[in-house]
Amino acid sequence: MSNALAIAAVTAALKDLLDSGLIEHRVTDALGQGVTVTALPPDAIVISGAEARVGLNLFMYQATPNAALRNAALPAVSAQGGRIAFPPLALDLHYLLTAYGTADLQAEVLLGYAMQLLHETPVLTRAALRTALDPSPVDGSVLPAIYEALRAADLANQVEMIKITPTLLNTEEMSRLWSALQARYRPTAAYVVSVVLIESMRGARAALPVLSRGPVDPATQREAGIGATASLVPPLPTLERAIPPLAEPAARLGDAVMLQGHHLGGSARSVLLFNVRLQSELSVVVPDGDDDAALSFTLPALPAALPVGVYLVSAVVQRPGETRPRSTNRIALALGPRITTPLPMSVARGGDGVAQIDLACTPEVRPGQHVGLILGEREVAAEPFTLATAALRFRVANPVVGQPLLARLRVDGIDSAVIDRSTSPPRFFDQRITIT
């Protein structure tokens, strides 16, 4: 596969094709003077005066992703989400072939010969590419420095061949293009060269060779092979949802959480809780069981280990008849705060009319977490803190006086429980604060 020099290598190969073709067809005899082939921007071509030359100019004005190959090799990722392979960059190159002359009919003659050459050479062969980029009879030291670098392009070794296809630009497109180039229009033909594959320079991880397809029976020395299951349900441990007690929106420390799914029965079971924000993980051991549809675990009452937040929950289980444990997919579980200060309570205002409310909570809140106290419908931010703490202070200016207000602690958008769902109909807990 070719590298980043491939774009320049294609232009150099086309330029060599035109140059060699004009010599073979003896175009200089027909024109009565020498012909040059360049690969410059059109605005850099001198078209008048003593320095004007007769020749062809090949200008690559656009590179676009190849529609057929851009998704042919999608990036492969590991279980942690990191890339282990990188697809090649597949490009189509768009060219303008322009003929320049200093006398009547010279431009038309040159454009005719050039289009005939490209028509008769629709594919750049590997031999032609090697000859153009690394001409063996020619001493490389006499070539320009850029051609020395193009020897390492590896364009001839890529899987796809380089194909040359004429394309149509209507009058409006051609007019806009030449206006953008700020050059005077000359007889021009448009071509698309496809496809150039540029290989990623990043190293890819290679998988280890497969030693056996499944466990090997020690007696028969035969592989277990690939198991087939006639069901739409995959035969792998899978989690579908996490249910806190009483179907609360969030679980609390010490709660028993039900995980529902399939193929969850077995031994050596555990639950992994991964905090996305803090990049921390905690493992909870789960007793062995044969219930394939659900497993329960209890959130440990460790205020310092499990901060409030959204956790990705996965289970590890060793299925009956298997030799190694398997990990399930990850599902989300919210862990909410709990106010541990006895409520209801009454708070008196200070001399400045501001009420200071001190509350204890579990688990501890961490620096950087957004902490607020909602009194009725008003949210008050906590006083700043620099260390993990379970003691919070709130200063309420212009409070509602004499009215018991329902209190909720909100940490990173997750509220403490205020609804008693064990009764029918549900009712609010008497977690109220009265400011006097």
Protein backbone atom coordinates (compact mmCIF):
# COMPACT_ATOMS: atom_id res chain seq x y z
CA MET A 1 0.00 0.00 0.00
CA SER A 2 1.24 3.48 -0.83
CA ASN A 3 2.12 6.24 1.61
CA ALA A 4 1.56 10.00 1.82
CA LEU A 5 3.77 10.59 -1.24
CA ALA A 6 1.22 8.80 -3.44
CA ILE A 7 -0.61 11.96 -4.54
CA ALA A 8 2.56 13.56 -5.85
CA ALA A 9 3.61 10.20 -7.33
CA VAL A 10 0.40 9.99 -9.40
CA THR A 11 0.99 13.47 -10.79
CA ALA A 12 4.59 12.60 -11.61
CA ALA A 13 3.52 9.38 -13.36
CA LEU A 14 0.90 11.19 -15.46
CA LYS A 15 3.40 13.88 -16.33
CA ASP A 16 5.89 11.22 -17.44
CA LEU A 17 3.19 9.48 -19.49
CA LEU A 18 2.37 12.69 -21.37
CA ASP A 19 6.00 13.64 -21.83
CA SER A 20 6.97 10.23 -23.22
CA GLY A 21 3.88 10.06 -25.42
CA LEU A 22 4.52 13.43 -27.03
CA ILE A 23 8.07 12.34 -27.83
CA GLU A 24 6.91 9.03 -29.34
CA HIS A 25 4.32 10.80 -31.52
CA ARG A 26 6.91 13.38 -32.62
CA VAL A 27 4.67 16.26 -31.71
CA THR A 28 7.65 18.60 -31.86
CA ASP A 29 7.88 17.93 -35.61
CA ALA A 30 4.22 18.85 -36.09
CA LEU A 31 4.57 22.07 -34.12
CA GLY A 32 8.05 22.98 -35.30
CA GLN A 33 9.30 23.66 -31.79
CA GLY A 34 9.83 22.02 -28.43
CA VAL A 35 7.00 21.18 -26.03
CA THR A 36 7.14 21.23 -22.24
CA VAL A 37 4.92 19.30 -19.80
CA THR A 38 4.45 20.91 -16.40
CA ALA A 39 2.45 20.32 -13.23
CA LEU A 40 2.00 23.89 -12.00
CA PRO A 41 -1.00 25.94 -10.87
CA PRO A 42 -2.55 27.64 -13.95
CA ASP A 43 -1.90 31.10 -12.53
CA ALA A 44 1.85 30.31 -12.52
CA ILE A 45 1.96 29.60 -16.28
CA VAL A 46 3.36 32.44 -18.40
CA ILE A 47 1.07 32.82 -21.42
CA SER A 48 2.43 35.99 -23.02
CA GLY A 49 5.72 37.71 -23.65
CA ALA A 50 9.15 36.32 -24.38
CA GLU A 51 8.88 33.68 -21.64
CA ALA A 52 5.67 32.11 -23.00
CA ARG A 53 6.10 28.45 -23.89
CA VAL A 54 4.17 25.85 -25.86
CA GLY A 55 3.20 22.95 -23.65
CA LEU A 56 0.77 20.96 -21.53
CA ASN A 57 -0.01 21.60 -17.87
CA LEU A 58 -1.44 19.01 -15.50
CA PHE A 59 -2.99 20.53 -12.38
CA MET A 60 -4.58 18.55 -9.53
CA TYR A 61 -7.28 20.86 -8.24
CA GLN A 62 -9.13 18.55 -5.85
CA ALA A 63 -8.78 15.33 -3.84
CA THR A 64 -12.00 13.64 -2.69
CA PRO A 65 -12.71 10.49 -0.64
CA ASN A 66 -13.38 7.44 -2.78
CA ALA A 67 -17.01 6.48 -2.23
CA ALA A 68 -16.47 2.77 -2.82
CA LEU A 69 -13.49 2.21 -0.51
CA ARG A 70 -13.80 4.82 2.22
CA ASN A 71 -15.73 2.36 4.44
CA ALA A 72 -14.23 -0.88 3.12
CA ALA A 73 -12.05 -1.41 6.20
CA LEU A 74 -13.65 0.20 9.24
CA PRO A 75 -11.40 0.89 12.24
CA ALA A 76 -11.16 -2.10 14.59
CA VAL A 77 -11.38 -1.31 18.29
CA SER A 78 -10.47 -3.21 21.42
CA ALA A 79 -12.80 -3.98 24.32
CA GLN A 80 -11.59 -0.75 25.99
CA GLY A 81 -12.56 1.32 22.95
CA GLY A 82 -9.01 1.98 21.71
CA ARG A 83 -8.18 1.52 18.04
CA ILE A 84 -6.10 -1.53 17.15
CA ALA A 85 -6.19 -1.08 13.36
CA PHE A 86 -6.51 1.87 10.99
CA PRO A 87 -8.11 1.80 7.51
CA PRO A 88 -6.27 3.25 4.51
CA LEU A 89 -7.16 6.70 3.18
CA ALA A 90 -8.84 6.13 -0.20
CA LEU A 91 -8.77 9.16 -2.51
CA ASP A 92 -9.87 10.18 -5.99
CA LEU A 93 -7.71 12.86 -7.62
CA HIS A 94 -9.25 15.44 -9.95
CA TYR A 95 -7.05 16.97 -12.65
CA LEU A 96 -7.22 19.73 -15.24
CA LEU A 97 -5.25 19.05 -18.44
CA THR A 98 -4.62 22.37 -20.19
CA ALA A 99 -2.88 23.04 -23.50
CA TYR A 100 -0.94 26.28 -24.11
CA GLY A 101 0.24 27.65 -27.45
CA THR A 102 1.82 30.79 -28.80
CA ALA A 103 0.49 30.44 -32.36
CA ASP A 104 -2.64 29.30 -34.17
CA LEU A 105 -3.80 25.69 -33.56
CA GLN A 106 -0.88 24.78 -31.32
CA ALA A 107 -3.07 24.36 -28.23
CA GLU A 108 -5.60 22.27 -30.16
CA VAL A 109 -2.89 19.96 -31.52
CA LEU A 110 -1.39 19.44 -28.08
CA LEU A 111 -4.74 18.80 -26.39
CA GLY A 112 -5.70 16.27 -29.08
CA TYR A 113 -2.50 14.27 -28.67
CA ALA A 114 -2.73 14.41 -24.85
CA MET A 115 -6.35 13.21 -24.76
CA GLN A 116 -5.51 10.42 -27.17
CA LEU A 117 -2.66 9.29 -24.89
CA LEU A 118 -4.86 9.21 -21.81
CA HIS A 119 -7.63 7.47 -23.75
CA GLU A 120 -5.27 4.74 -24.91
CA THR A 121 -3.79 4.38 -21.41
CA PRO A 122 -6.81 4.09 -19.10
CA VAL A 123 -4.77 2.28 -16.44
CA LEU A 124 -1.31 3.08 -15.15
CA THR A 125 0.38 -0.31 -14.92
CA ARG A 126 2.76 -1.20 -12.15
CA ALA A 127 5.63 -1.30 -14.63
CA ALA A 128 4.77 2.17 -15.89
CA LEU A 129 4.65 3.50 -12.33
CA ARG A 130 8.02 2.00 -11.45
CA THR A 131 9.55 3.40 -14.65
CA ALA A 132 8.15 6.87 -14.02
CA LEU A 133 9.14 7.05 -10.35
CA ASP A 134 12.41 5.13 -10.46
CA PRO A 135 13.91 5.16 -13.96
CA SER A 136 16.71 2.59 -13.71
CA PRO A 137 18.80 3.72 -16.71
CA VAL A 138 18.90 7.26 -15.35
CA ASP A 139 21.22 8.23 -12.54
CA GLY A 140 18.99 9.37 -9.68
CA SER A 141 21.40 12.12 -8.74
CA VAL A 142 20.51 14.08 -11.90
CA LEU A 143 16.81 14.15 -11.01
CA PRO A 144 15.25 16.95 -8.93
CA ALA A 145 15.20 16.31 -5.18
CA ILE A 146 11.42 15.81 -5.14
CA TYR A 147 11.73 12.88 -7.57
CA GLU A 148 14.29 11.30 -5.27
CA ALA A 149 11.68 11.33 -2.50
CA LEU A 150 8.96 9.90 -4.77
CA ARG A 151 10.92 6.68 -5.14
CA ALA A 152 9.65 5.74 -1.67
CA ALA A 153 5.98 6.31 -2.53
CA ASP A 154 5.29 2.55 -3.06
CA LEU A 155 2.49 3.51 -5.45
CA ALA A 156 3.13 0.49 -7.69
CA ASN A 157 2.68 -1.87 -4.74
CA GLN A 158 -0.82 -0.85 -3.70
CA VAL A 159 -3.66 -3.33 -4.23
CA GLU A 160 -5.83 -1.14 -6.45
CA MET A 161 -4.68 -0.06 -9.89
CA ILE A 162 -4.57 3.61 -10.89
CA LYS A 163 -7.37 4.27 -13.40
CA ILE A 164 -7.72 7.41 -15.56
CA THR A 165 -11.26 8.48 -16.42
CA PRO A 166 -12.36 11.61 -18.32
CA THR A 167 -15.07 13.58 -16.56
CA LEU A 168 -17.45 16.36 -17.56
CA LEU A 169 -17.35 19.88 -16.18
CA ASN A 170 -20.15 22.04 -17.55
CA THR A 171 -19.66 25.65 -18.55
CA GLU A 172 -20.67 27.03 -15.15
CA GLU A 173 -18.38 24.68 -13.22
CA MET A 174 -15.46 25.41 -15.54
CA SER A 175 -16.06 29.15 -15.28
CA ARG A 176 -16.16 29.09 -11.49
CA LEU A 177 -13.04 26.93 -11.32
CA TRP A 178 -10.96 29.20 -13.56
CA SER A 179 -12.26 32.26 -11.74
CA ALA A 180 -11.10 30.75 -8.45
CA LEU A 181 -7.71 30.00 -10.01
CA GLN A 182 -7.42 33.63 -11.13
CA ALA A 183 -5.97 32.53 -14.46
CA ARG A 184 -6.94 33.02 -18.09
CA TYR A 185 -8.84 30.11 -19.57
CA ARG A 186 -7.18 27.89 -22.17
CA PRO A 187 -8.42 24.66 -23.82
CA THR A 188 -8.91 22.21 -20.97
CA ALA A 189 -10.04 18.64 -20.34
CA ALA A 190 -10.95 17.27 -16.88
CA TYR A 191 -9.97 13.82 -15.57
CA VAL A 192 -10.48 11.74 -12.43
CA VAL A 193 -7.69 9.41 -11.33
CA SER A 194 -8.77 6.64 -8.97
CA VAL A 195 -7.99 5.19 -6.54
CA VAL A 196 -5.03 6.17 -4.34
CA LEU A 197 -4.71 4.22 -1.08
CA ILE A 198 -2.60 5.90 1.59
CA GLU A 199 -1.70 3.56 4.41
CA SER A 200 -1.77 4.77 7.99
CA MET A 201 1.64 5.24 9.59
CA ARG A 202 0.35 4.25 13.01
CA GLY A 203 1.26 0.79 14.17
CA ALA A 204 -1.54 -1.75 14.39
CA ARG A 205 -1.85 -4.52 16.93
CA ALA A 206 -1.88 -8.01 15.49
CA ALA A 207 -3.95 -10.76 17.05
CA LEU A 208 -2.26 -13.87 18.34
CA PRO A 209 -2.60 -17.07 16.28
CA VAL A 210 -5.53 -19.35 17.15
CA LEU A 211 -4.33 -22.49 18.91
CA SER A 212 -7.66 -24.26 19.18
CA ARG A 213 -11.34 -23.67 18.53
CA GLY A 214 -12.64 -24.11 22.03
CA PRO A 215 -11.33 -26.24 24.90
CA VAL A 216 -9.45 -29.42 24.03
CA ASP A 217 -10.71 -32.67 25.53
CA PRO A 218 -7.77 -34.21 27.45
CA ALA A 219 -8.83 -37.74 26.58
CA THR A 220 -9.59 -37.45 22.87
CA GLN A 221 -7.41 -34.38 22.21
CA ARG A 222 -10.24 -33.00 20.09
CA GLU A 223 -11.38 -29.40 20.03
CA ALA A 224 -14.83 -28.53 21.29
CA GLY A 225 -15.44 -26.53 18.11
CA ILE A 226 -17.93 -23.75 17.57
CA GLY A 227 -21.25 -23.98 19.38
CA ALA A 228 -24.46 -23.22 17.45
CA THR A 229 -27.72 -22.19 19.10
CA ALA A 230 -31.07 -22.13 17.29
CA SER A 231 -32.40 -19.03 19.04
CA LEU A 232 -32.60 -15.28 18.58
CA VAL A 233 -31.19 -14.88 22.10
CA PRO A 234 -27.38 -15.03 22.06
CA PRO A 235 -26.00 -17.76 24.35
CA LEU A 236 -23.81 -15.29 26.22
CA PRO A 237 -24.30 -13.59 29.60
CA THR A 238 -26.11 -10.33 28.89
CA LEU A 239 -27.49 -7.53 31.07
CA GLU A 240 -30.64 -5.74 29.97
CA ARG A 241 -31.43 -3.36 32.83
CA ALA A 242 -30.58 -2.43 36.41
CA ILE A 243 -33.49 -1.93 38.83
CA PRO A 244 -32.95 -0.09 42.16
CA PRO A 245 -35.33 -0.89 45.06
CA LEU A 246 -38.95 0.15 44.48
CA ALA A 247 -37.95 1.17 40.92
CA GLU A 248 -36.38 4.40 42.18
CA PRO A 249 -34.61 6.56 39.58
CA ALA A 250 -31.33 6.08 41.46
CA ALA A 251 -29.90 3.59 43.94
CA ARG A 252 -28.34 4.49 47.30
CA LEU A 253 -25.48 3.04 49.33
CA GLY A 254 -26.59 -0.20 51.00
CA ASP A 255 -29.42 -0.82 48.49
CA ALA A 256 -29.99 -4.18 46.87
CA VAL A 257 -29.99 -3.74 43.08
CA MET A 258 -31.57 -6.25 40.72
CA LEU A 259 -29.83 -6.91 37.38
CA GLN A 260 -32.05 -8.49 34.74
CA GLY A 261 -30.85 -10.25 31.59
CA HIS A 262 -30.17 -13.79 30.45
CA HIS A 263 -27.53 -16.50 30.95
CA LEU A 264 -26.55 -14.95 34.30
CA GLY A 265 -26.46 -18.17 36.33
CA GLY A 266 -23.17 -19.80 37.24
CA SER A 267 -20.23 -19.57 39.60
CA ALA A 268 -17.41 -17.11 40.34
CA ARG A 269 -19.87 -14.26 39.89
CA SER A 270 -19.13 -10.62 40.56
CA VAL A 271 -20.39 -7.17 39.56
CA LEU A 272 -18.08 -4.39 38.36
CA LEU A 273 -19.07 -0.76 38.95
CA PHE A 274 -17.16 1.70 36.77
CA ASN A 275 -17.49 5.44 37.39
CA VAL A 276 -17.14 7.22 34.04
CA ARG A 277 -16.29 10.63 35.44
CA LEU A 278 -13.76 9.58 38.08
CA GLN A 279 -12.39 6.60 36.10
CA SER A 280 -12.64 4.37 39.17
CA GLU A 281 -13.83 0.77 39.43
CA LEU A 282 -15.18 -1.34 42.29
CA SER A 283 -15.88 -5.08 42.29
CA VAL A 284 -18.70 -6.62 44.34
CA VAL A 285 -18.75 -10.40 44.86
CA VAL A 286 -22.08 -12.10 44.14
CA PRO A 287 -23.00 -15.59 45.47
CA ASP A 288 -23.24 -18.45 42.99
CA GLY A 289 -26.70 -19.13 41.60
CA ASP A 290 -28.63 -20.87 38.86
CA ASP A 291 -31.10 -18.08 38.04
CA ASP A 292 -30.30 -17.18 34.44
CA ALA A 293 -32.75 -14.25 34.27
CA ALA A 294 -31.54 -12.11 37.16
CA LEU A 295 -28.93 -11.58 39.84
CA SER A 296 -28.93 -9.29 42.85
CA PHE A 297 -26.09 -7.47 44.55
CA THR A 298 -25.88 -5.00 47.40
CA LEU A 299 -24.14 -1.68 47.03
CA PRO A 300 -21.52 -1.49 49.77
CA ALA A 301 -22.00 1.22 52.38
CA LEU A 302 -18.60 2.77 51.67
CA PRO A 303 -19.07 6.56 51.50
CA ALA A 304 -15.49 7.14 50.35
CA ALA A 305 -15.44 4.40 47.67
CA LEU A 306 -18.63 5.07 45.74
CA PRO A 307 -19.29 8.77 45.02
CA VAL A 308 -22.55 9.99 43.54
CA GLY A 309 -22.70 9.60 39.78
CA VAL A 310 -23.57 7.39 36.85
CA TYR A 311 -21.90 3.97 36.86
CA LEU A 312 -21.42 1.44 34.10
CA VAL A 313 -22.40 -1.94 35.54
CA SER A 314 -21.19 -5.26 34.15
CA ALA A 315 -21.28 -8.78 35.53
CA VAL A 316 -18.69 -11.55 35.46
CA VAL A 317 -19.94 -15.14 35.54
CA GLN A 318 -18.55 -18.56 34.76
CA ARG A 319 -21.25 -20.55 33.01
CA PRO A 320 -21.80 -24.26 33.77
CA GLY A 321 -19.50 -26.43 31.66
CA GLU A 322 -17.12 -23.57 30.82
CA THR A 323 -13.56 -23.21 32.06
CA ARG A 324 -13.30 -19.42 32.17
CA PRO A 325 -15.59 -16.60 33.34
CA ARG A 326 -17.26 -14.29 30.85
CA SER A 327 -17.99 -10.56 31.12
CA THR A 328 -21.36 -9.13 30.15
CA ASN A 329 -22.11 -5.87 28.42
CA ARG A 330 -22.30 -2.62 30.42
CA ILE A 331 -25.51 -0.85 31.43
CA ALA A 332 -26.04 2.40 33.31
CA LEU A 333 -26.92 2.71 36.98
CA ALA A 334 -27.32 6.03 38.82
CA LEU A 335 -26.12 6.28 42.41
CA GLY A 336 -27.81 9.11 44.28
CA PRO A 337 -27.11 10.96 47.55
CA ARG A 338 -28.92 10.55 50.85
CA ILE A 339 -29.38 13.26 53.49
CA THR A 340 -28.30 11.80 56.84
CA THR A 341 -29.16 14.86 58.96
CA PRO A 342 -32.47 14.19 60.81
CA LEU A 343 -35.37 15.95 59.11
CA PRO A 344 -37.66 17.85 59.51
CA MET A 345 -35.65 20.66 61.03
CA SER A 346 -35.93 24.36 61.71
CA VAL A 347 -33.23 26.95 60.89
CA ALA A 348 -33.12 30.53 62.16
CA ARG A 349 -31.94 33.41 60.04
CA GLY A 350 -28.88 35.39 61.00
CA GLY A 351 -28.68 39.10 61.60
CA ASP A 352 -28.12 39.72 57.89
CA GLY A 353 -31.29 37.85 56.99
CA VAL A 354 -29.39 34.89 55.53
CA ALA A 355 -30.21 31.37 56.71
CA GLN A 356 -27.28 28.98 57.11
CA ILE A 357 -28.21 25.31 56.63
CA ASP A 358 -25.70 22.58 57.54
CA LEU A 359 -26.46 19.10 56.23
CA ALA A 360 -24.64 15.78 56.33
CA CYS A 361 -24.89 13.37 53.43
CA THR A 362 -23.71 10.04 52.15
CA PRO A 363 -21.71 9.23 50.12
CA GLU A 364 -19.05 11.89 50.35
CA VAL A 365 -19.09 14.50 47.61
CA ARG A 366 -15.91 15.17 45.68
CA PRO A 367 -14.31 18.46 44.58
CA GLY A 368 -15.59 19.36 41.14
CA GLN A 369 -19.05 17.88 41.69
CA HIS A 370 -21.98 20.27 41.40
CA VAL A 371 -23.86 20.21 44.72
CA GLY A 372 -27.11 22.02 45.38
CA LEU A 373 -29.97 22.02 47.90
CA ILE A 374 -33.47 22.33 46.49
CA LEU A 375 -35.90 23.96 48.93
CA GLY A 376 -39.35 23.71 47.43
CA GLU A 377 -38.67 24.94 43.92
CA ARG A 378 -35.50 26.96 44.63
CA GLU A 379 -31.98 25.54 44.25
CA VAL A 380 -29.14 26.88 46.41
CA ALA A 381 -25.52 26.04 45.60
CA ALA A 382 -23.30 24.59 48.35
CA GLU A 383 -20.45 26.58 49.81
CA PRO A 384 -17.13 25.75 48.07
CA PHE A 385 -15.11 22.79 49.36
CA THR A 386 -11.65 21.53 48.39
CA LEU A 387 -11.64 18.01 49.88
CA ALA A 388 -14.03 15.10 49.80
CA THR A 389 -16.60 15.76 52.49
CA ALA A 390 -19.92 14.59 53.88
CA ALA A 391 -20.64 17.92 55.62
CA LEU A 392 -22.23 20.56 53.41
CA ARG A 393 -23.17 24.16 54.10
CA PHE A 394 -25.75 26.22 52.26
CA ARG A 395 -26.45 29.94 52.68
CA VAL A 396 -29.98 30.95 51.67
CA ALA A 397 -30.52 34.64 51.02
CA ASN A 398 -34.05 36.06 50.99
CA PRO A 399 -35.62 32.76 52.09
CA VAL A 400 -39.28 31.87 52.35
CA VAL A 401 -39.99 32.33 56.08
CA GLY A 402 -42.26 30.20 58.23
CA GLN A 403 -43.21 27.67 55.55
CA PRO A 404 -41.98 24.04 55.69
CA LEU A 405 -40.19 23.39 52.38
CA LEU A 406 -39.45 19.97 50.94
CA ALA A 407 -35.64 19.50 50.84
CA ARG A 408 -33.76 17.59 48.16
CA LEU A 409 -30.00 17.26 47.78
CA ARG A 410 -28.88 17.33 44.14
CA VAL A 411 -25.36 16.15 43.21
CA ASP A 412 -24.36 16.21 39.53
CA GLY A 413 -28.02 16.24 38.56
CA ILE A 414 -29.00 13.21 40.71
CA ASP A 415 -31.48 13.96 43.52
CA SER A 416 -31.88 12.38 46.92
CA ALA A 417 -35.09 10.39 47.40
CA VAL A 418 -38.13 12.42 48.45
CA ILE A 419 -40.96 10.04 47.49
CA ASP A 420 -42.03 7.08 49.60
CA ARG A 421 -42.89 4.52 46.94
CA SER A 422 -43.63 1.75 49.44
CA THR A 423 -47.10 3.16 50.07
CA SER A 424 -50.08 3.34 47.76
CA PRO A 425 -50.58 6.00 46.66
CA PRO A 426 -46.98 7.30 46.97
CA ARG A 427 -46.35 10.21 49.30
CA PHE A 428 -43.52 12.62 50.12
CA PHE A 429 -41.13 11.87 52.94
CA ASP A 430 -41.33 14.43 55.73
CA GLN A 431 -37.95 15.86 54.70
CA ARG A 432 -38.78 19.50 55.23
CA ILE A 433 -36.83 22.51 56.43
CA THR A 434 -38.51 25.54 57.98
CA ILE A 435 -36.65 28.86 58.03
CA THR A 436 -37.67 31.22 60.80
